[in-house]
Amino acid sequence: MDKIYQLQIGEKYDYNIDMSVRWPGDTIATVVWTIPTGLTKSGESNTTTTATVWLERTGSGMLTVSAKITSASGRVEVVELLFIE
């Protein structure tokens, strides 16, 4: 697990993954988000260094979101975000 967040039912926030430290000199090419039941994605974007997703909690429990991030040079990293109530 890369990061842990507390999010209550009905709350909606943006979450960022900064890849500039992990991949100095490389850039983000694509991001594929996997969102479980209990969270709703209302938007996503990325810059050359940061992947962003907007999430709203709609269900209870511990929920894990994953982002498969691919760099311009072909690196691939899966980042997991754990959401607790």
Protein backbone atom coordinates (compact mmCIF):
# COMPACT_ATOMS: atom_id res chain seq x y z
CA MET A 1 0.00 0.00 0.00
CA ASP A 2 1.48 3.30 -1.06
CA LYS A 3 -0.84 5.73 0.76
CA ILE A 4 -3.72 5.55 3.25
CA TYR A 5 -6.55 8.09 3.32
CA GLN A 6 -9.61 8.59 5.49
CA LEU A 7 -12.75 9.35 3.50
CA GLN A 8 -16.30 9.34 4.89
CA ILE A 9 -19.44 8.45 2.92
CA GLY A 10 -20.55 11.50 0.93
CA GLU A 11 -17.13 13.18 0.94
CA LYS A 12 -15.43 13.97 -2.38
CA TYR A 13 -11.79 14.95 -2.85
CA ASP A 14 -8.98 14.92 -5.38
CA TYR A 15 -5.96 12.65 -4.87
CA ASN A 16 -2.58 13.17 -6.52
CA ILE A 17 0.31 10.84 -7.26
CA ASP A 18 3.54 12.74 -7.90
CA MET A 19 5.94 10.68 -10.02
CA SER A 20 8.66 13.35 -10.34
CA VAL A 21 10.74 11.89 -7.48
CA ARG A 22 10.26 8.25 -8.53
CA TRP A 23 11.02 8.96 -12.19
CA PRO A 24 13.41 11.92 -12.37
CA GLY A 25 13.76 13.05 -15.97
CA ASP A 26 10.87 10.85 -17.21
CA THR A 27 7.24 11.81 -17.79
CA ILE A 28 3.80 10.21 -17.42
CA ALA A 29 2.41 8.87 -20.70
CA THR A 30 -0.75 7.07 -19.50
CA VAL A 31 -2.66 6.36 -16.29
CA VAL A 32 -5.27 3.62 -15.88
CA TRP A 33 -7.32 3.83 -12.67
CA THR A 34 -9.08 0.82 -11.10
CA ILE A 35 -11.88 1.97 -8.79
CA PRO A 36 -13.78 -0.49 -6.52
CA THR A 37 -17.48 -0.51 -5.74
CA GLY A 38 -18.00 1.96 -2.88
CA LEU A 39 -16.06 4.76 -4.56
CA THR A 40 -17.19 6.83 -7.54
CA LYS A 41 -14.68 8.51 -9.86
CA SER A 42 -15.92 11.88 -11.06
CA GLY A 43 -12.82 12.96 -12.93
CA GLU A 44 -9.18 12.31 -13.70
CA SER A 45 -6.27 14.15 -15.27
CA ASN A 46 -2.52 14.06 -15.44
CA THR A 47 0.38 16.33 -16.14
CA THR A 48 3.83 15.14 -17.15
CA THR A 49 4.63 14.43 -13.48
CA THR A 50 1.35 14.07 -11.52
CA ALA A 51 -1.69 11.80 -11.86
CA THR A 52 -4.93 13.09 -10.31
CA VAL A 53 -8.25 11.38 -9.62
CA TRP A 54 -11.45 12.79 -8.05
CA LEU A 55 -13.25 10.28 -5.80
CA GLU A 56 -16.47 10.26 -3.78
CA ARG A 57 -17.15 7.60 -1.18
CA THR A 58 -20.53 5.94 -1.70
CA GLY A 59 -20.07 2.75 0.35
CA SER A 60 -18.42 1.54 3.52
CA GLY A 61 -15.41 -0.64 4.26
CA MET A 62 -11.72 -0.57 3.41
CA LEU A 63 -11.37 0.17 -0.30
CA THR A 64 -8.29 0.04 -2.52
CA VAL A 65 -7.79 2.13 -5.65
CA SER A 66 -4.96 1.35 -8.02
CA ALA A 67 -3.31 3.47 -10.67
CA LYS A 68 -1.23 1.79 -13.36
CA ILE A 69 1.11 4.54 -14.52
CA THR A 70 3.24 4.18 -17.63
CA SER A 71 6.07 6.57 -18.44
CA ALA A 72 7.13 7.92 -21.81
CA SER A 73 10.23 5.69 -21.70
CA GLY A 74 8.21 2.54 -20.90
CA ARG A 75 8.44 2.29 -17.11
CA VAL A 76 5.32 0.87 -15.47
CA GLU A 77 4.38 1.32 -11.81
CA VAL A 78 1.20 0.36 -9.97
CA VAL A 79 0.38 2.70 -7.09
CA GLU A 80 -2.26 1.67 -4.53
CA LEU A 81 -4.32 4.00 -2.37
CA LEU A 82 -6.20 2.55 0.62
CA PHE A 83 -9.35 4.31 1.80
CA ILE A 84 -10.66 3.83 5.33
CA GLU A 85 -13.64 5.43 7.08
